Amino acid sequence: MTTLLLLRHGETTWNEQNRMQGWAPVGLTERGHEQARRAGELIAAEYDPDRLVSSDLLRARETTAGVRAAVDVEPTFDPAWRERGLGDLQGLTVEALFGGFPEYSLKRSGAAALTARPPNGESVLDVRERVLAAWETLLEGGGTVLVVTHGGPIAAVLGAVRGQDAVTGLLDNWADNGTLTEIAVESEPRVVRTVDPGASR
């Protein structure tokens, strides 16, 4: 059996400001570092990861460093697990992006928003395809794999596991900062649980 652990990075300064981060080099807040540390403690206590894969963006790297205070596995940094690249729209608040550019809003534009690509950025389907390809690659290796990533990639994987269409999957499966989701893969993948390590103490 393969066990996949998806950890969303800790809180960042732009999370606090409700800004769209994309690939920006935004670091964790003090609370974000604490979320990473607590996630590491939970993972060390309840799992024995064979592999640790992380997005190569700064907020994921800092979360990975916090986790590794308790989890002694050398990380591999993989850009396939990055958040969506927003190109020229990176840094806008959520309200400014989706209010000013409704063509990018899944809630307002539905399936049409899946293929809308910001200047110098990625469409939702671009991200979904690269993340699900990375997911399939991880499954080939077996064991227990910890992936430190972002809200969009986690939603893409959970939507696929639950058999949801792309729009529903992305809207219904958003993970909070610092939360850990366990997926067990036997004949078919299934979501075991999502836990907030900070709330479990």
N, C-alpha and C. Protein backbone atom coordinates (compact mmCIF):
# COMPACT_ATOMS: atom_id res chain seq x y z
N MET A 1 0.83 -1.20 0.00
CA MET A 1 0.00 0.00 0.00
C MET A 1 0.87 1.25 0.00
N THR A 2 0.43 2.26 -0.72
CA THR A 2 1.08 3.56 -0.71
C THR A 2 0.27 4.51 0.16
N THR A 3 0.96 5.25 1.00
CA THR A 3 0.31 6.30 1.80
C THR A 3 0.89 7.64 1.36
N LEU A 4 0.01 8.54 0.97
CA LEU A 4 0.43 9.87 0.55
C LEU A 4 -0.06 10.88 1.58
N LEU A 5 0.87 11.67 2.09
CA LEU A 5 0.55 12.72 3.06
C LEU A 5 0.75 14.07 2.38
N LEU A 6 -0.33 14.83 2.26
CA LEU A 6 -0.27 16.15 1.62
C LEU A 6 -0.34 17.22 2.70
N LEU A 7 0.72 18.00 2.81
CA LEU A 7 0.80 19.06 3.81
C LEU A 7 0.79 20.41 3.11
N ARG A 8 -0.19 21.25 3.43
CA ARG A 8 -0.16 22.61 2.88
C ARG A 8 0.81 23.44 3.70
N HIS A 9 1.58 24.26 3.02
CA HIS A 9 2.58 25.11 3.68
C HIS A 9 1.93 25.95 4.79
N GLY A 10 2.77 26.42 5.70
CA GLY A 10 2.30 27.27 6.78
C GLY A 10 1.87 28.65 6.28
N GLU A 11 1.23 29.37 7.17
CA GLU A 11 0.73 30.71 6.85
C GLU A 11 1.87 31.65 6.44
N THR A 12 1.60 32.50 5.44
CA THR A 12 2.56 33.49 4.97
C THR A 12 2.01 34.90 5.20
N THR A 13 2.89 35.88 4.99
CA THR A 13 2.45 37.27 5.11
C THR A 13 1.37 37.59 4.08
N TRP A 14 1.46 37.02 2.90
CA TRP A 14 0.44 37.28 1.87
C TRP A 14 -0.86 36.54 2.17
N ASN A 15 -0.80 35.40 2.86
CA ASN A 15 -2.04 34.78 3.33
C ASN A 15 -2.77 35.73 4.27
N GLU A 16 -2.02 36.37 5.15
CA GLU A 16 -2.62 37.33 6.08
C GLU A 16 -3.30 38.48 5.33
N GLN A 17 -2.70 38.89 4.23
CA GLN A 17 -3.20 40.03 3.45
C GLN A 17 -4.20 39.62 2.37
N ASN A 18 -4.49 38.31 2.28
CA ASN A 18 -5.43 37.78 1.29
C ASN A 18 -4.98 38.09 -0.14
N ARG A 19 -3.65 38.00 -0.36
CA ARG A 19 -3.09 38.25 -1.68
C ARG A 19 -2.77 36.94 -2.40
N MET A 20 -2.91 36.96 -3.70
CA MET A 20 -2.65 35.78 -4.54
C MET A 20 -1.14 35.62 -4.71
N GLN A 21 -0.59 34.50 -4.27
CA GLN A 21 0.86 34.36 -4.17
C GLN A 21 1.53 33.82 -5.43
N GLY A 22 0.83 32.92 -6.13
CA GLY A 22 1.47 32.34 -7.31
C GLY A 22 2.83 31.79 -6.97
N TRP A 23 3.84 32.24 -7.72
CA TRP A 23 5.21 31.77 -7.51
C TRP A 23 6.07 32.79 -6.75
N ALA A 24 5.45 33.76 -6.11
CA ALA A 24 6.20 34.81 -5.42
C ALA A 24 7.01 34.23 -4.25
N PRO A 25 8.21 34.77 -4.00
CA PRO A 25 9.05 34.29 -2.90
C PRO A 25 8.62 34.88 -1.56
N VAL A 26 7.48 34.42 -1.08
CA VAL A 26 6.89 34.93 0.16
C VAL A 26 7.18 33.95 1.28
N GLY A 27 7.69 34.46 2.40
CA GLY A 27 8.06 33.61 3.52
C GLY A 27 6.94 33.44 4.53
N LEU A 28 7.17 32.53 5.47
CA LEU A 28 6.18 32.22 6.50
C LEU A 28 6.14 33.29 7.58
N THR A 29 4.97 33.42 8.19
CA THR A 29 4.84 34.23 9.40
C THR A 29 5.32 33.40 10.59
N GLU A 30 5.35 34.02 11.75
CA GLU A 30 5.69 33.27 12.97
C GLU A 30 4.71 32.13 13.17
N ARG A 31 3.42 32.40 12.92
CA ARG A 31 2.41 31.35 13.04
C ARG A 31 2.66 30.24 12.01
N GLY A 32 3.08 30.61 10.81
CA GLY A 32 3.38 29.63 9.79
C GLY A 32 4.51 28.70 10.18
N HIS A 33 5.55 29.26 10.79
CA HIS A 33 6.66 28.42 11.26
C HIS A 33 6.20 27.46 12.36
N GLU A 34 5.31 27.95 13.22
CA GLU A 34 4.77 27.09 14.27
C GLU A 34 3.92 25.97 13.68
N GLN A 35 3.13 26.28 12.66
CA GLN A 35 2.34 25.26 11.99
C GLN A 35 3.23 24.17 11.39
N ALA A 36 4.34 24.58 10.80
CA ALA A 36 5.27 23.61 10.21
C ALA A 36 5.89 22.73 11.29
N ARG A 37 6.26 23.34 12.39
CA ARG A 37 6.87 22.57 13.48
C ARG A 37 5.88 21.53 14.04
N ARG A 38 4.65 21.96 14.25
CA ARG A 38 3.65 21.04 14.81
C ARG A 38 3.30 19.93 13.83
N ALA A 39 3.27 20.26 12.55
CA ALA A 39 3.03 19.22 11.55
C ALA A 39 4.14 18.18 11.59
N GLY A 40 5.37 18.64 11.71
CA GLY A 40 6.49 17.72 11.80
C GLY A 40 6.38 16.79 13.00
N GLU A 41 5.97 17.33 14.13
CA GLU A 41 5.82 16.51 15.34
C GLU A 41 4.73 15.45 15.15
N LEU A 42 3.61 15.85 14.55
CA LEU A 42 2.53 14.89 14.30
C LEU A 42 2.97 13.79 13.35
N ILE A 43 3.64 14.19 12.27
CA ILE A 43 4.09 13.21 11.27
C ILE A 43 5.10 12.24 11.88
N ALA A 44 6.02 12.77 12.68
CA ALA A 44 7.02 11.91 13.33
C ALA A 44 6.36 10.92 14.30
N ALA A 45 5.30 11.36 14.98
CA ALA A 45 4.64 10.52 15.97
C ALA A 45 3.75 9.45 15.35
N GLU A 46 3.14 9.74 14.19
CA GLU A 46 2.11 8.85 13.65
C GLU A 46 2.48 8.17 12.33
N TYR A 47 3.55 8.63 11.69
CA TYR A 47 3.93 8.08 10.39
C TYR A 47 5.44 7.85 10.37
N ASP A 48 5.88 7.15 9.36
CA ASP A 48 7.31 6.93 9.15
C ASP A 48 7.59 7.16 7.67
N PRO A 49 7.68 8.42 7.24
CA PRO A 49 7.81 8.70 5.80
C PRO A 49 9.08 8.10 5.21
N ASP A 50 8.92 7.50 4.05
CA ASP A 50 10.06 6.99 3.30
C ASP A 50 10.66 8.06 2.40
N ARG A 51 9.79 8.97 1.96
CA ARG A 51 10.22 10.02 1.05
C ARG A 51 9.58 11.34 1.44
N LEU A 52 10.28 12.42 1.15
CA LEU A 52 9.77 13.78 1.38
C LEU A 52 9.98 14.58 0.10
N VAL A 53 8.88 15.01 -0.48
CA VAL A 53 8.90 15.80 -1.71
C VAL A 53 8.25 17.14 -1.40
N SER A 54 8.86 18.22 -1.88
CA SER A 54 8.33 19.54 -1.61
C SER A 54 8.33 20.39 -2.87
N SER A 55 7.33 21.25 -2.97
CA SER A 55 7.40 22.35 -3.93
C SER A 55 8.69 23.12 -3.68
N ASP A 56 9.23 23.71 -4.74
CA ASP A 56 10.48 24.46 -4.57
C ASP A 56 10.26 25.94 -4.26
N LEU A 57 9.01 26.36 -4.07
CA LEU A 57 8.75 27.75 -3.71
C LEU A 57 9.11 28.02 -2.25
N LEU A 58 9.46 29.27 -1.95
CA LEU A 58 10.02 29.60 -0.64
C LEU A 58 9.13 29.17 0.51
N ARG A 59 7.84 29.42 0.44
CA ARG A 59 6.97 29.09 1.56
C ARG A 59 6.91 27.58 1.82
N ALA A 60 7.03 26.79 0.77
CA ALA A 60 7.07 25.33 0.94
C ALA A 60 8.43 24.90 1.49
N ARG A 61 9.50 25.53 1.00
CA ARG A 61 10.84 25.22 1.51
C ARG A 61 10.94 25.51 3.02
N GLU A 62 10.39 26.64 3.44
CA GLU A 62 10.45 26.99 4.86
C GLU A 62 9.60 26.03 5.70
N THR A 63 8.48 25.61 5.16
CA THR A 63 7.65 24.62 5.85
C THR A 63 8.39 23.29 5.96
N THR A 64 9.04 22.89 4.87
CA THR A 64 9.81 21.65 4.88
C THR A 64 10.92 21.71 5.93
N ALA A 65 11.59 22.85 6.04
CA ALA A 65 12.64 22.99 7.05
C ALA A 65 12.07 22.82 8.45
N GLY A 66 10.88 23.36 8.70
CA GLY A 66 10.25 23.21 10.01
C GLY A 66 9.86 21.77 10.30
N VAL A 67 9.36 21.09 9.30
CA VAL A 67 8.97 19.68 9.45
C VAL A 67 10.20 18.82 9.75
N ARG A 68 11.31 19.14 9.11
CA ARG A 68 12.51 18.31 9.24
C ARG A 68 13.17 18.42 10.62
N ALA A 69 12.69 19.34 11.45
CA ALA A 69 13.17 19.35 12.83
C ALA A 69 12.77 18.07 13.55
N ALA A 70 11.68 17.41 13.06
CA ALA A 70 11.23 16.17 13.68
C ALA A 70 11.30 14.97 12.74
N VAL A 71 11.30 15.22 11.44
CA VAL A 71 11.25 14.15 10.44
C VAL A 71 12.59 14.08 9.71
N ASP A 72 13.32 12.99 9.91
CA ASP A 72 14.68 12.88 9.37
C ASP A 72 14.67 12.19 8.01
N VAL A 73 14.14 12.90 7.01
CA VAL A 73 14.15 12.41 5.64
C VAL A 73 14.64 13.54 4.75
N GLU A 74 15.60 13.25 3.90
CA GLU A 74 16.16 14.28 3.01
C GLU A 74 15.11 14.67 1.96
N PRO A 75 14.84 15.96 1.80
CA PRO A 75 13.80 16.36 0.85
C PRO A 75 14.29 16.44 -0.59
N THR A 76 13.34 16.22 -1.50
CA THR A 76 13.53 16.50 -2.92
C THR A 76 12.60 17.65 -3.28
N PHE A 77 13.12 18.67 -3.94
CA PHE A 77 12.30 19.84 -4.30
C PHE A 77 11.91 19.74 -5.76
N ASP A 78 10.59 19.73 -5.97
CA ASP A 78 10.05 19.44 -7.30
C ASP A 78 9.08 20.55 -7.72
N PRO A 79 9.40 21.29 -8.79
CA PRO A 79 8.52 22.38 -9.24
C PRO A 79 7.15 21.90 -9.72
N ALA A 80 7.00 20.60 -9.96
CA ALA A 80 5.68 20.09 -10.36
C ALA A 80 4.64 20.30 -9.27
N TRP A 81 5.08 20.46 -8.01
CA TRP A 81 4.16 20.64 -6.90
C TRP A 81 3.96 22.11 -6.54
N ARG A 82 4.38 23.02 -7.41
CA ARG A 82 4.14 24.45 -7.19
C ARG A 82 2.65 24.79 -7.27
N GLU A 83 2.33 25.93 -6.67
CA GLU A 83 1.02 26.53 -6.85
C GLU A 83 0.89 27.05 -8.28
N ARG A 84 -0.28 27.44 -8.67
CA ARG A 84 -0.52 27.99 -10.00
C ARG A 84 0.31 29.25 -10.22
N GLY A 85 0.98 29.32 -11.36
CA GLY A 85 1.69 30.54 -11.75
C GLY A 85 0.69 31.57 -12.26
N LEU A 86 0.64 32.71 -11.60
CA LEU A 86 -0.35 33.73 -11.95
C LEU A 86 0.21 34.83 -12.83
N GLY A 87 1.48 34.74 -13.17
CA GLY A 87 2.06 35.70 -14.10
C GLY A 87 1.87 37.14 -13.67
N ASP A 88 1.34 37.96 -14.56
CA ASP A 88 1.22 39.40 -14.31
C ASP A 88 0.20 39.74 -13.23
N LEU A 89 -0.64 38.77 -12.84
CA LEU A 89 -1.68 39.04 -11.85
C LEU A 89 -1.24 38.65 -10.43
N GLN A 90 -0.06 38.10 -10.30
CA GLN A 90 0.47 37.72 -8.99
C GLN A 90 0.54 38.94 -8.08
N GLY A 91 0.14 38.77 -6.84
CA GLY A 91 0.22 39.84 -5.86
C GLY A 91 -1.08 40.59 -5.65
N LEU A 92 -2.04 40.44 -6.57
CA LEU A 92 -3.34 41.07 -6.37
C LEU A 92 -4.06 40.40 -5.19
N THR A 93 -4.94 41.15 -4.55
CA THR A 93 -5.79 40.52 -3.54
C THR A 93 -6.79 39.61 -4.23
N VAL A 94 -7.35 38.70 -3.47
CA VAL A 94 -8.37 37.80 -4.02
C VAL A 94 -9.52 38.62 -4.61
N GLU A 95 -9.92 39.67 -3.88
CA GLU A 95 -11.04 40.49 -4.34
C GLU A 95 -10.70 41.21 -5.64
N ALA A 96 -9.49 41.75 -5.74
CA ALA A 96 -9.08 42.47 -6.95
C ALA A 96 -8.96 41.54 -8.14
N LEU A 97 -8.44 40.34 -7.92
CA LEU A 97 -8.28 39.41 -9.03
C LEU A 97 -9.62 38.94 -9.57
N PHE A 98 -10.42 38.36 -8.70
CA PHE A 98 -11.66 37.75 -9.17
C PHE A 98 -12.77 38.77 -9.39
N GLY A 99 -12.69 39.91 -8.71
CA GLY A 99 -13.66 40.98 -8.96
C GLY A 99 -13.35 41.71 -10.26
N GLY A 100 -12.07 41.95 -10.50
CA GLY A 100 -11.69 42.68 -11.71
C GLY A 100 -11.53 41.81 -12.93
N PHE A 101 -11.29 40.51 -12.71
CA PHE A 101 -11.08 39.58 -13.83
C PHE A 101 -11.92 38.31 -13.60
N PRO A 102 -13.24 38.43 -13.74
CA PRO A 102 -14.13 37.30 -13.43
C PRO A 102 -13.90 36.08 -14.32
N GLU A 103 -13.21 36.27 -15.45
CA GLU A 103 -12.94 35.11 -16.31
C GLU A 103 -12.03 34.08 -15.65
N TYR A 104 -11.35 34.48 -14.56
CA TYR A 104 -10.49 33.54 -13.84
C TYR A 104 -11.17 32.89 -12.64
N SER A 105 -12.41 33.28 -12.37
CA SER A 105 -13.12 32.80 -11.19
C SER A 105 -13.94 31.55 -11.51
N LEU A 106 -13.63 30.44 -10.86
CA LEU A 106 -14.40 29.21 -11.04
C LEU A 106 -15.82 29.39 -10.53
N LYS A 107 -15.99 30.16 -9.47
CA LYS A 107 -17.33 30.38 -8.91
C LYS A 107 -18.21 31.18 -9.87
N ARG A 108 -17.61 32.16 -10.55
CA ARG A 108 -18.40 33.04 -11.41
C ARG A 108 -18.46 32.57 -12.86
N SER A 109 -17.40 31.95 -13.34
CA SER A 109 -17.33 31.58 -14.76
C SER A 109 -17.38 30.07 -15.00
N GLY A 110 -17.32 29.28 -13.93
CA GLY A 110 -17.44 27.83 -14.07
C GLY A 110 -16.34 27.23 -14.92
N ALA A 111 -16.71 26.29 -15.79
CA ALA A 111 -15.74 25.54 -16.59
C ALA A 111 -14.92 26.42 -17.51
N ALA A 112 -15.46 27.56 -17.93
CA ALA A 112 -14.72 28.46 -18.81
C ALA A 112 -13.44 28.97 -18.14
N ALA A 113 -13.48 29.08 -16.81
CA ALA A 113 -12.30 29.58 -16.08
C ALA A 113 -11.16 28.58 -16.05
N LEU A 114 -11.44 27.31 -16.35
CA LEU A 114 -10.40 26.29 -16.30
C LEU A 114 -9.29 26.54 -17.31
N THR A 115 -9.64 27.11 -18.45
CA THR A 115 -8.65 27.30 -19.52
C THR A 115 -8.17 28.74 -19.63
N ALA A 116 -8.71 29.64 -18.80
CA ALA A 116 -8.28 31.05 -18.85
C ALA A 116 -6.86 31.16 -18.30
N ARG A 117 -5.97 31.72 -19.09
CA ARG A 117 -4.56 31.78 -18.72
C ARG A 117 -4.13 33.24 -18.54
N PRO A 118 -3.70 33.64 -17.33
CA PRO A 118 -3.22 35.00 -17.12
C PRO A 118 -1.98 35.28 -17.96
N PRO A 119 -1.72 36.53 -18.33
CA PRO A 119 -0.49 36.84 -19.06
C PRO A 119 0.74 36.33 -18.30
N ASN A 120 1.55 35.53 -18.97
CA ASN A 120 2.76 34.95 -18.40
C ASN A 120 2.48 33.96 -17.27
N GLY A 121 1.24 33.45 -17.22
CA GLY A 121 0.88 32.51 -16.16
C GLY A 121 0.35 31.20 -16.70
N GLU A 122 -0.31 30.45 -15.83
CA GLU A 122 -0.84 29.13 -16.15
C GLU A 122 -2.36 29.12 -16.02
N SER A 123 -3.01 28.26 -16.78
CA SER A 123 -4.43 28.03 -16.57
C SER A 123 -4.61 27.02 -15.44
N VAL A 124 -5.84 26.92 -14.94
CA VAL A 124 -6.14 25.93 -13.92
C VAL A 124 -5.86 24.52 -14.44
N LEU A 125 -6.22 24.26 -15.69
CA LEU A 125 -5.97 22.93 -16.25
C LEU A 125 -4.48 22.64 -16.41
N ASP A 126 -3.68 23.67 -16.72
CA ASP A 126 -2.23 23.49 -16.78
C ASP A 126 -1.71 22.93 -15.46
N VAL A 127 -2.16 23.56 -14.37
CA VAL A 127 -1.70 23.15 -13.04
C VAL A 127 -2.20 21.76 -12.70
N ARG A 128 -3.47 21.53 -12.95
CA ARG A 128 -4.07 20.23 -12.63
C ARG A 128 -3.33 19.09 -13.36
N GLU A 129 -3.01 19.30 -14.62
CA GLU A 129 -2.33 18.26 -15.39
C GLU A 129 -0.94 17.97 -14.85
N ARG A 130 -0.16 19.01 -14.51
CA ARG A 130 1.20 18.75 -14.03
C ARG A 130 1.18 18.12 -12.63
N VAL A 131 0.21 18.53 -11.80
CA VAL A 131 0.13 17.96 -10.46
C VAL A 131 -0.30 16.50 -10.50
N LEU A 132 -1.30 16.18 -11.31
CA LEU A 132 -1.75 14.79 -11.37
C LEU A 132 -0.70 13.88 -12.01
N ALA A 133 0.10 14.42 -12.92
CA ALA A 133 1.22 13.64 -13.46
C ALA A 133 2.25 13.37 -12.36
N ALA A 134 2.52 14.37 -11.52
CA ALA A 134 3.46 14.18 -10.41
C ALA A 134 2.91 13.18 -9.40
N TRP A 135 1.62 13.24 -9.15
CA TRP A 135 0.96 12.29 -8.25
C TRP A 135 1.12 10.86 -8.75
N GLU A 136 0.89 10.63 -10.03
CA GLU A 136 1.03 9.29 -10.59
C GLU A 136 2.47 8.79 -10.46
N THR A 137 3.44 9.67 -10.63
CA THR A 137 4.84 9.30 -10.49
C THR A 137 5.15 8.87 -9.06
N LEU A 138 4.60 9.58 -8.07
CA LEU A 138 4.83 9.23 -6.67
C LEU A 138 4.28 7.85 -6.35
N LEU A 139 3.13 7.53 -6.92
CA LEU A 139 2.50 6.24 -6.63
C LEU A 139 3.35 5.07 -7.10
N GLU A 140 4.14 5.29 -8.14
CA GLU A 140 4.96 4.22 -8.68
C GLU A 140 6.02 3.74 -7.68
N GLY A 141 6.43 4.63 -6.77
CA GLY A 141 7.49 4.28 -5.84
C GLY A 141 7.04 3.57 -4.58
N GLY A 142 5.73 3.63 -4.28
CA GLY A 142 5.19 2.99 -3.09
C GLY A 142 5.67 3.64 -1.80
N GLY A 143 5.35 3.01 -0.67
CA GLY A 143 5.76 3.49 0.63
C GLY A 143 4.92 4.65 1.13
N THR A 144 5.45 5.35 2.11
CA THR A 144 4.79 6.53 2.69
C THR A 144 5.52 7.77 2.20
N VAL A 145 4.79 8.64 1.51
CA VAL A 145 5.39 9.82 0.90
C VAL A 145 4.75 11.07 1.48
N LEU A 146 5.56 11.97 1.99
CA LEU A 146 5.10 13.27 2.46
C LEU A 146 5.37 14.30 1.39
N VAL A 147 4.32 15.04 1.01
CA VAL A 147 4.44 16.09 0.00
C VAL A 147 4.06 17.42 0.64
N VAL A 148 4.99 18.37 0.64
CA VAL A 148 4.73 19.72 1.14
C VAL A 148 4.40 20.59 -0.07
N THR A 149 3.18 21.09 -0.11
CA THR A 149 2.74 21.78 -1.32
C THR A 149 1.77 22.91 -0.98
N HIS A 150 0.81 23.16 -1.85
CA HIS A 150 -0.04 24.35 -1.79
C HIS A 150 -1.50 23.97 -1.92
N GLY A 151 -2.38 24.96 -1.71
CA GLY A 151 -3.81 24.71 -1.74
C GLY A 151 -4.31 24.17 -3.06
N GLY A 152 -3.86 24.76 -4.17
CA GLY A 152 -4.33 24.33 -5.49
C GLY A 152 -3.96 22.89 -5.82
N PRO A 153 -2.70 22.51 -5.69
CA PRO A 153 -2.32 21.12 -5.94
C PRO A 153 -3.05 20.11 -5.05
N ILE A 154 -3.23 20.45 -3.77
CA ILE A 154 -3.94 19.54 -2.87
C ILE A 154 -5.39 19.36 -3.35
N ALA A 155 -6.04 20.46 -3.71
CA ALA A 155 -7.42 20.38 -4.19
C ALA A 155 -7.51 19.56 -5.47
N ALA A 156 -6.51 19.70 -6.34
CA ALA A 156 -6.51 18.94 -7.60
C ALA A 156 -6.44 17.44 -7.32
N VAL A 157 -5.55 17.03 -6.41
CA VAL A 157 -5.41 15.61 -6.09
C VAL A 157 -6.67 15.09 -5.41
N LEU A 158 -7.19 15.82 -4.43
CA LEU A 158 -8.37 15.34 -3.71
C LEU A 158 -9.58 15.24 -4.62
N GLY A 159 -9.74 16.21 -5.51
CA GLY A 159 -10.85 16.14 -6.46
C GLY A 159 -10.76 14.92 -7.35
N ALA A 160 -9.54 14.60 -7.80
CA ALA A 160 -9.35 13.42 -8.65
C ALA A 160 -9.62 12.14 -7.87
N VAL A 161 -9.13 12.07 -6.63
CA VAL A 161 -9.34 10.88 -5.80
C VAL A 161 -10.83 10.67 -5.55
N ARG A 162 -11.57 11.76 -5.37
CA ARG A 162 -13.00 11.67 -5.06
C ARG A 162 -13.86 11.58 -6.32
N GLY A 163 -13.23 11.55 -7.50
CA GLY A 163 -13.96 11.40 -8.74
C GLY A 163 -14.78 12.61 -9.13
N GLN A 164 -14.38 13.79 -8.66
CA GLN A 164 -15.11 15.01 -8.96
C GLN A 164 -14.61 15.65 -10.26
N ASP A 165 -15.46 16.42 -10.92
CA ASP A 165 -15.00 17.17 -12.07
C ASP A 165 -14.04 18.25 -11.59
N ALA A 166 -13.30 18.85 -12.53
CA ALA A 166 -12.23 19.78 -12.16
C ALA A 166 -12.73 20.98 -11.38
N VAL A 167 -13.86 21.55 -11.77
CA VAL A 167 -14.38 22.73 -11.07
C VAL A 167 -14.79 22.37 -9.65
N THR A 168 -15.60 21.33 -9.50
CA THR A 168 -16.06 20.92 -8.17
C THR A 168 -14.89 20.53 -7.28
N GLY A 169 -13.96 19.78 -7.84
CA GLY A 169 -12.81 19.33 -7.06
C GLY A 169 -12.01 20.49 -6.49
N LEU A 170 -11.80 21.51 -7.30
CA LEU A 170 -10.99 22.63 -6.84
C LEU A 170 -11.75 23.52 -5.85
N LEU A 171 -13.06 23.63 -6.02
CA LEU A 171 -13.84 24.47 -5.11
C LEU A 171 -14.12 23.79 -3.77
N ASP A 172 -14.25 22.48 -3.78
CA ASP A 172 -14.69 21.77 -2.57
C ASP A 172 -13.58 21.23 -1.70
N ASN A 173 -12.33 21.29 -2.15
CA ASN A 173 -11.26 20.58 -1.43
C ASN A 173 -10.11 21.49 -1.00
N TRP A 174 -10.39 22.75 -0.74
CA TRP A 174 -9.31 23.65 -0.37
C TRP A 174 -8.83 23.38 1.04
N ALA A 175 -7.54 23.25 1.22
CA ALA A 175 -6.94 22.94 2.53
C ALA A 175 -6.47 24.22 3.20
N ASP A 176 -6.63 24.29 4.51
CA ASP A 176 -6.13 25.43 5.28
C ASP A 176 -4.61 25.32 5.44
N ASN A 177 -3.97 26.44 5.74
CA ASN A 177 -2.54 26.43 5.98
C ASN A 177 -2.19 25.47 7.12
N GLY A 178 -1.16 24.65 6.89
CA GLY A 178 -0.66 23.77 7.93
C GLY A 178 -1.43 22.49 8.14
N THR A 179 -2.49 22.24 7.34
CA THR A 179 -3.26 21.01 7.52
C THR A 179 -2.63 19.86 6.74
N LEU A 180 -2.85 18.66 7.26
CA LEU A 180 -2.28 17.44 6.69
C LEU A 180 -3.42 16.52 6.25
N THR A 181 -3.35 16.05 5.01
CA THR A 181 -4.35 15.11 4.49
C THR A 181 -3.67 13.79 4.16
N GLU A 182 -4.25 12.71 4.65
CA GLU A 182 -3.72 11.36 4.41
C GLU A 182 -4.56 10.66 3.34
N ILE A 183 -3.90 10.12 2.33
CA ILE A 183 -4.56 9.34 1.28
C ILE A 183 -3.93 7.95 1.27
N ALA A 184 -4.76 6.92 1.36
CA ALA A 184 -4.29 5.54 1.27
C ALA A 184 -4.59 5.02 -0.13
N VAL A 185 -3.61 4.39 -0.73
CA VAL A 185 -3.79 3.85 -2.09
C VAL A 185 -3.54 2.36 -2.07
N GLU A 186 -4.63 1.60 -2.26
CA GLU A 186 -4.53 0.15 -2.41
C GLU A 186 -4.97 -0.15 -3.84
N SER A 187 -6.11 -0.80 -4.02
CA SER A 187 -6.61 -0.97 -5.39
C SER A 187 -7.09 0.37 -5.93
N GLU A 188 -7.70 1.19 -5.05
CA GLU A 188 -8.14 2.54 -5.40
C GLU A 188 -7.73 3.48 -4.28
N PRO A 189 -7.43 4.74 -4.61
CA PRO A 189 -7.08 5.70 -3.55
C PRO A 189 -8.32 6.13 -2.77
N ARG A 190 -8.11 6.42 -1.49
CA ARG A 190 -9.20 6.97 -0.68
C ARG A 190 -8.62 7.95 0.33
N VAL A 191 -9.41 8.97 0.62
CA VAL A 191 -9.00 9.96 1.61
C VAL A 191 -9.29 9.41 3.00
N VAL A 192 -8.27 9.30 3.82
CA VAL A 192 -8.41 8.76 5.16
C VAL A 192 -8.85 9.84 6.14
N ARG A 193 -8.15 10.96 6.11
CA ARG A 193 -8.48 12.05 7.03
C ARG A 193 -7.73 13.31 6.65
N THR A 194 -8.24 14.44 7.13
CA THR A 194 -7.52 15.70 7.11
C THR A 194 -7.46 16.21 8.53
N VAL A 195 -6.28 16.60 8.97
CA VAL A 195 -6.10 17.00 10.36
C VAL A 195 -5.31 18.29 10.43
N ASP A 196 -5.66 19.12 11.40
CA ASP A 196 -4.90 20.33 11.70
C ASP A 196 -4.01 20.01 12.89
N PRO A 197 -2.70 19.85 12.69
CA PRO A 197 -1.81 19.44 13.78
C PRO A 197 -1.85 20.39 14.96
N GLY A 198 -2.05 21.67 14.72
CA GLY A 198 -2.13 22.62 15.81
C GLY A 198 -3.37 22.41 16.66
N ALA A 199 -4.50 22.10 16.01
CA ALA A 199 -5.76 21.91 16.72
C ALA A 199 -5.81 20.60 17.48
N SER A 200 -4.92 19.66 17.11
CA SER A 200 -4.95 18.33 17.72
C SER A 200 -4.21 18.29 19.05
N ARG A 201 -3.61 19.42 19.44
CA ARG A 201 -2.83 19.44 20.68
C ARG A 201 -3.68 19.90 21.86
